[in-house]
């Protein structure tokens, strides 16, 4: 019996070199094919959540956009300041227990910032002494807004201490001063006893009633419809202008007058024949 040669025994004892090479090649190819799959899985996996307090890349642009938007919108505080300044020019000076209430402004009204000065004006014609409507006007971009302004608080007012009959001469014992809410006061109410003492009562006055100009009789120095001289003190300077009386008035009584130059209606004190003093701020 022929004994196989050593060369043949080695071939039959295990895989050949070529077989080993092919197996190694297959292993390498499998590894190479697995790499893209692993990279794709890594790319699509969710990123870890940011730590608390850390801004994401989207938050920074959003905050910048909000700040830029706020910079292009007219500030509500600026609109309120403009309305307040115009109201102070149109209304009588505030008393110790009074203040202005501005607005409210519509929270949805966000006009674009005006490229020039915002003009302020009040509608022509008379208005109560405790409230006014201010119009804010922007030329570019064009928009306007009406802002209500009213005086809140109390005012000293002359009250009848008892029932007073018509024809009586008003004395110090006939009146007293009380603080009353402004919205409840009638037009022409009097707040200074000195302007009423000595005048005749034109009609019966009930006890506790608010005393007004229309209840008293006296020499009228200003008559409705007549041309009067308006005087005002501003910054140490005396200003005189022409106006038209809208109500009758006795000495030291309030009268409504219209400034013929501006058309504004204000309230002043009749000081003498055809002269009305306007309190300015």
Protein backbone atom coordinates (compact mmCIF):
# COMPACT_ATOMS: atom_id res chain seq x y z
CA UNK A 1 0.00 0.00 0.00
CA UNK A 2 1.28 3.36 -1.04
CA UNK A 3 1.81 5.80 1.71
CA UNK A 4 0.74 9.34 0.76
CA UNK A 5 3.53 11.71 0.46
CA UNK A 6 4.04 14.39 3.08
CA UNK A 7 3.06 17.03 0.55
CA UNK A 8 -0.35 15.46 0.02
CA UNK A 9 -0.85 14.94 3.75
CA UNK A 10 -0.41 18.62 4.41
CA UNK A 11 -2.99 19.51 1.76
CA UNK A 12 -5.59 17.18 3.17
CA UNK A 13 -4.93 17.98 6.84
CA UNK A 14 -6.43 21.56 6.81
CA UNK A 15 -7.54 24.44 4.60
CA UNK A 16 -5.27 25.56 1.95
CA UNK A 17 -3.58 28.92 1.83
CA UNK A 18 -5.91 30.07 -0.93
CA UNK A 19 -8.94 29.11 1.18
CA UNK A 20 -7.61 31.10 4.09
CA UNK A 21 -7.02 34.08 1.84
CA UNK A 22 -10.55 33.97 0.50
CA UNK A 23 -12.00 33.73 4.02
CA UNK A 24 -9.97 36.73 5.20
CA UNK A 25 -11.11 38.68 2.17
CA UNK A 26 -14.76 37.93 2.93
CA UNK A 27 -14.28 39.04 6.52
CA UNK A 28 -12.70 42.31 5.41
CA UNK A 29 -15.47 42.99 2.89
CA UNK A 30 -18.12 42.35 5.52
CA UNK A 31 -16.44 44.82 7.89
CA UNK A 32 -16.17 47.43 5.18
CA UNK A 33 -19.83 47.00 4.28
CA UNK A 34 -20.82 47.39 7.92
CA UNK A 35 -19.05 50.75 8.31
CA UNK A 36 -21.56 52.89 6.30
CA UNK A 37 -24.44 51.26 8.10
CA UNK A 38 -22.91 52.19 11.46
CA UNK A 39 -22.17 55.77 10.32
CA UNK A 40 -25.74 56.22 9.04
CA UNK A 41 -27.17 54.92 12.31
CA UNK A 42 -25.01 57.36 14.24
CA UNK A 43 -26.05 60.34 12.08
CA UNK A 44 -29.76 59.66 12.46
CA UNK A 45 -29.71 59.00 16.17
CA UNK A 46 -31.24 61.83 18.28
CA UNK A 47 -28.83 64.35 19.69
CA UNK A 48 -28.57 64.57 23.45
CA UNK A 49 -30.83 67.13 25.14
CA UNK A 50 -29.12 70.42 26.05
CA UNK A 51 -28.31 71.07 29.64
CA UNK A 52 -30.82 73.23 31.57
CA UNK A 53 -30.25 76.95 31.00
CA UNK A 54 -28.34 76.36 27.74
CA UNK A 55 -29.81 78.22 24.74
CA UNK A 56 -30.41 76.12 21.64
CA UNK A 57 -29.32 77.45 18.23
CA UNK A 58 -32.98 78.34 17.49
CA UNK A 59 -33.54 80.37 20.64
CA UNK A 60 -30.86 82.97 19.94
CA UNK A 61 -32.30 84.07 16.54
CA UNK A 62 -35.81 84.15 18.05
CA UNK A 63 -34.67 86.44 20.86
CA UNK A 64 -32.89 88.69 18.37
CA UNK A 65 -36.01 88.87 16.21
CA UNK A 66 -38.14 89.83 19.22
CA UNK A 67 -35.72 92.60 20.20
CA UNK A 68 -35.62 93.91 16.62
CA UNK A 69 -39.42 93.92 16.47
CA UNK A 70 -39.67 95.86 19.74
CA UNK A 71 -37.24 98.46 18.40
CA UNK A 72 -39.51 99.18 15.41
CA UNK A 73 -42.72 99.60 17.46
CA UNK A 74 -43.72 102.86 19.16
CA UNK A 75 -43.40 102.41 22.92
CA UNK A 76 -46.64 102.65 24.89
CA UNK A 77 -44.86 104.69 27.58
CA UNK A 78 -43.94 107.30 24.94
CA UNK A 79 -47.55 107.54 23.72
CA UNK A 80 -48.80 107.95 27.29
CA UNK A 81 -46.25 110.69 27.99
CA UNK A 82 -47.32 112.62 24.88
CA UNK A 83 -51.01 112.33 25.81
CA UNK A 84 -50.27 113.48 29.35
CA UNK A 85 -48.33 116.54 28.16
CA UNK A 86 -51.15 117.63 25.84
CA UNK A 87 -53.81 117.05 28.50
CA UNK A 88 -51.88 119.19 31.00
CA UNK A 89 -51.97 122.06 28.49
CA UNK A 90 -55.72 121.70 27.90
CA UNK A 91 -57.05 121.02 31.40
CA UNK A 92 -56.97 123.31 34.45
CA UNK A 93 -54.04 122.81 36.85
CA UNK A 94 -54.39 119.73 39.03
CA UNK A 95 -55.29 120.14 42.68
CA UNK A 96 -53.58 118.56 45.64
CA UNK A 97 -55.82 115.50 45.59
CA UNK A 98 -55.96 115.02 41.84
CA UNK A 99 -54.02 113.15 39.19
CA UNK A 100 -54.36 112.27 35.52
CA UNK A 101 -55.46 108.84 34.35
CA UNK A 102 -54.18 108.06 30.84
CA UNK A 103 -55.94 105.60 28.56
CA UNK A 104 -56.25 102.74 28.75
CA UNK A 105 -54.46 102.16 25.46
CA UNK A 106 -55.50 99.16 23.38
CA UNK A 107 -52.93 96.42 24.01
CA UNK A 108 -53.34 95.25 20.41
CA UNK A 109 -52.40 98.70 19.05
CA UNK A 110 -48.70 98.44 18.17
CA UNK A 111 -47.95 101.16 15.61
CA UNK A 112 -44.68 101.32 13.75
CA UNK A 113 -42.20 103.76 15.27
CA UNK A 114 -42.81 107.24 13.90
CA UNK A 115 -39.95 108.58 11.78
CA UNK A 116 -40.69 112.12 12.88
CA UNK A 117 -42.23 113.83 15.89
CA UNK A 118 -45.66 112.56 16.93
CA UNK A 119 -48.08 115.51 16.87
CA UNK A 120 -50.67 115.93 19.60
CA UNK A 121 -53.96 117.79 19.47
CA UNK A 122 -57.34 117.95 21.18
CA UNK A 123 -60.65 118.13 19.30
CA UNK A 124 -62.06 121.66 18.89
CA UNK A 125 -64.99 122.72 21.00
CA UNK A 126 -65.73 122.58 24.66
CA UNK A 127 -64.95 119.68 26.96
CA UNK A 128 -65.49 119.02 30.68
CA UNK A 129 -62.86 120.37 33.02
CA UNK A 130 -62.06 116.84 34.24
CA UNK A 131 -61.47 115.00 30.97
CA UNK A 132 -60.19 115.41 27.43
CA UNK A 133 -59.45 113.25 24.39
CA UNK A 134 -55.96 113.61 22.91
CA UNK A 135 -55.26 112.64 19.31
CA UNK A 136 -51.75 111.38 18.48
CA UNK A 137 -50.79 111.79 14.82
CA UNK A 138 -47.81 110.32 12.95
CA UNK A 139 -47.12 111.46 9.39
CA UNK A 140 -44.66 108.70 8.37
CA UNK A 141 -45.75 105.97 8.54
CA UNK A 142 -49.25 107.40 8.70
CA UNK A 143 -51.27 106.44 11.78
CA UNK A 144 -53.24 108.17 14.50
CA UNK A 145 -54.66 107.24 17.86
CA UNK A 146 -57.24 108.76 20.24
CA UNK A 147 -56.22 108.58 23.90
CA UNK A 148 -58.76 109.43 26.64
CA UNK A 149 -57.37 111.35 29.60
CA UNK A 150 -59.35 112.21 32.70
CA UNK A 151 -58.73 113.77 36.07
CA UNK A 152 -59.44 111.51 39.01
CA UNK A 153 -59.57 112.45 42.65
CA UNK A 154 -61.44 115.10 44.57
CA UNK A 155 -61.75 118.87 44.49
CA UNK A 156 -62.73 121.45 47.12
CA UNK A 157 -66.26 122.66 46.41
CA UNK A 158 -68.60 125.26 47.91
CA UNK A 159 -71.61 123.64 49.61
CA UNK A 160 -74.74 125.31 50.97
CA UNK A 161 -74.63 124.94 54.77
CA UNK A 162 -78.43 125.20 54.91
CA UNK A 163 -81.36 126.08 52.67
CA UNK A 164 -80.91 129.55 51.15
CA UNK A 165 -83.81 131.54 49.74
CA UNK A 166 -83.69 133.52 46.50
CA UNK A 167 -82.65 137.16 46.90
CA UNK A 168 -80.52 136.55 50.00
CA UNK A 169 -76.97 137.86 50.15
CA UNK A 170 -74.54 135.02 50.59
CA UNK A 171 -72.53 135.16 53.82
CA UNK A 172 -69.77 133.08 55.36
CA UNK A 173 -72.22 131.19 57.58
CA UNK A 174 -74.19 130.12 54.52
CA UNK A 175 -71.46 128.01 52.95
CA UNK A 176 -68.81 125.41 53.76
CA UNK A 177 -66.03 123.70 51.81
CA UNK A 178 -66.06 119.95 51.19
CA UNK A 179 -64.05 117.55 49.09
CA UNK A 180 -66.14 115.86 46.39
CA UNK A 181 -65.37 113.41 43.61
CA UNK A 182 -64.77 115.28 40.36
CA UNK A 183 -67.08 113.22 38.11
CA UNK A 184 -70.04 114.08 40.36
CA UNK A 185 -69.55 117.86 40.22
CA UNK A 186 -71.82 120.02 38.02
CA UNK A 187 -70.46 122.53 35.48
CA UNK A 188 -69.54 125.90 36.96
CA UNK A 189 -69.05 124.64 40.51
CA UNK A 190 -67.26 127.05 42.84
CA UNK A 191 -64.26 126.04 44.97
CA UNK A 192 -63.44 129.35 46.65
CA UNK A 193 -65.78 131.03 49.14
CA UNK A 194 -64.16 134.41 48.55
CA UNK A 195 -65.57 134.56 45.02
CA UNK A 196 -69.12 133.92 46.27
CA UNK A 197 -69.44 135.85 49.56
CA UNK A 198 -71.53 139.02 49.14
CA UNK A 199 -73.29 137.92 45.96
CA UNK A 200 -77.06 137.64 45.70
CA UNK A 201 -78.75 134.26 45.37
CA UNK A 202 -80.68 134.10 42.12
CA UNK A 203 -82.78 131.00 42.95
CA UNK A 204 -83.44 128.85 46.00
CA UNK A 205 -80.53 126.60 47.01
CA UNK A 206 -81.18 123.40 48.94
CA UNK A 207 -79.13 122.47 52.00
CA UNK A 208 -76.06 120.46 50.99
CA UNK A 209 -76.27 121.49 47.32
CA UNK A 210 -73.17 122.34 45.33
CA UNK A 211 -73.12 126.08 44.61
CA UNK A 212 -72.48 127.03 40.98
CA UNK A 213 -72.07 130.25 39.05
CA UNK A 214 -75.59 130.00 37.69
CA UNK A 215 -77.14 130.17 41.20
CA UNK A 216 -75.66 133.57 42.05
CA UNK A 217 -76.31 137.09 40.79
CA UNK A 218 -73.81 139.90 40.53
CA UNK A 219 -72.20 142.31 38.14
CA UNK A 220 -71.09 140.28 35.17
CA UNK A 221 -67.76 141.42 33.80
CA UNK A 222 -67.73 138.83 31.02
CA UNK A 223 -70.67 137.97 28.81
CA UNK A 224 -71.07 135.00 26.55
CA UNK A 225 -70.00 135.64 22.96
CA UNK A 226 -67.96 138.74 23.62
CA UNK A 227 -64.29 139.13 22.74
CA UNK A 228 -62.01 139.04 25.77
CA UNK A 229 -58.32 139.36 26.49
CA UNK A 230 -56.67 136.19 27.76
CA UNK A 231 -53.65 136.59 30.01
CA UNK A 232 -51.24 133.89 31.17
CA UNK A 233 -47.95 133.69 33.01
CA UNK A 234 -45.37 131.26 31.59
CA UNK A 235 -41.73 131.08 32.66
CA UNK A 236 -41.78 134.55 34.13
CA UNK A 237 -43.26 136.01 30.96
CA UNK A 238 -46.73 137.50 30.59
CA UNK A 239 -48.61 136.40 27.49
CA UNK A 240 -51.70 138.13 26.12
CA UNK A 241 -53.97 136.80 23.38
CA UNK A 242 -57.49 137.25 22.11
CA UNK A 243 -60.34 134.91 23.00
CA UNK A 244 -64.09 134.54 22.91
CA UNK A 245 -66.17 133.97 26.05
CA UNK A 246 -68.36 130.86 25.94
CA UNK A 247 -70.15 131.63 29.23
CA UNK A 248 -71.05 134.56 31.45
CA UNK A 249 -68.83 135.30 34.41
CA UNK A 250 -68.62 137.53 37.43
CA UNK A 251 -65.43 138.75 39.07
CA UNK A 252 -63.27 135.85 40.29
CA UNK A 253 -65.58 133.29 38.74
CA UNK A 254 -64.60 130.62 36.24
CA UNK A 255 -65.58 131.11 32.63
CA UNK A 256 -65.00 129.00 29.55
CA UNK A 257 -63.20 130.78 26.74
CA UNK A 258 -61.88 129.84 23.32
CA UNK A 259 -58.41 130.87 22.23
CA UNK A 260 -58.94 132.50 18.83
CA UNK A 261 -55.39 131.66 17.72
CA UNK A 262 -55.37 127.92 18.49
CA UNK A 263 -59.08 127.21 18.67
CA UNK A 264 -58.65 125.45 22.02
CA UNK A 265 -61.30 125.83 24.69
CA UNK A 266 -59.94 126.42 28.21
CA UNK A 267 -61.22 127.64 31.53
CA UNK A 268 -60.06 130.85 33.19
CA UNK A 269 -60.92 133.31 35.95
CA UNK A 270 -62.75 136.52 35.14
CA UNK A 271 -60.57 139.18 36.76
CA UNK A 272 -62.05 142.39 35.40
CA UNK A 273 -64.07 143.72 32.51
CA UNK A 274 -63.20 141.63 29.42
CA UNK A 275 -60.05 140.15 31.03
CA UNK A 276 -59.76 136.42 31.76
CA UNK A 277 -56.72 134.95 33.46
CA UNK A 278 -55.63 131.52 32.24
CA UNK A 279 -53.67 129.33 34.60
CA UNK A 280 -50.78 127.81 32.63
CA UNK A 281 -48.32 125.06 33.57
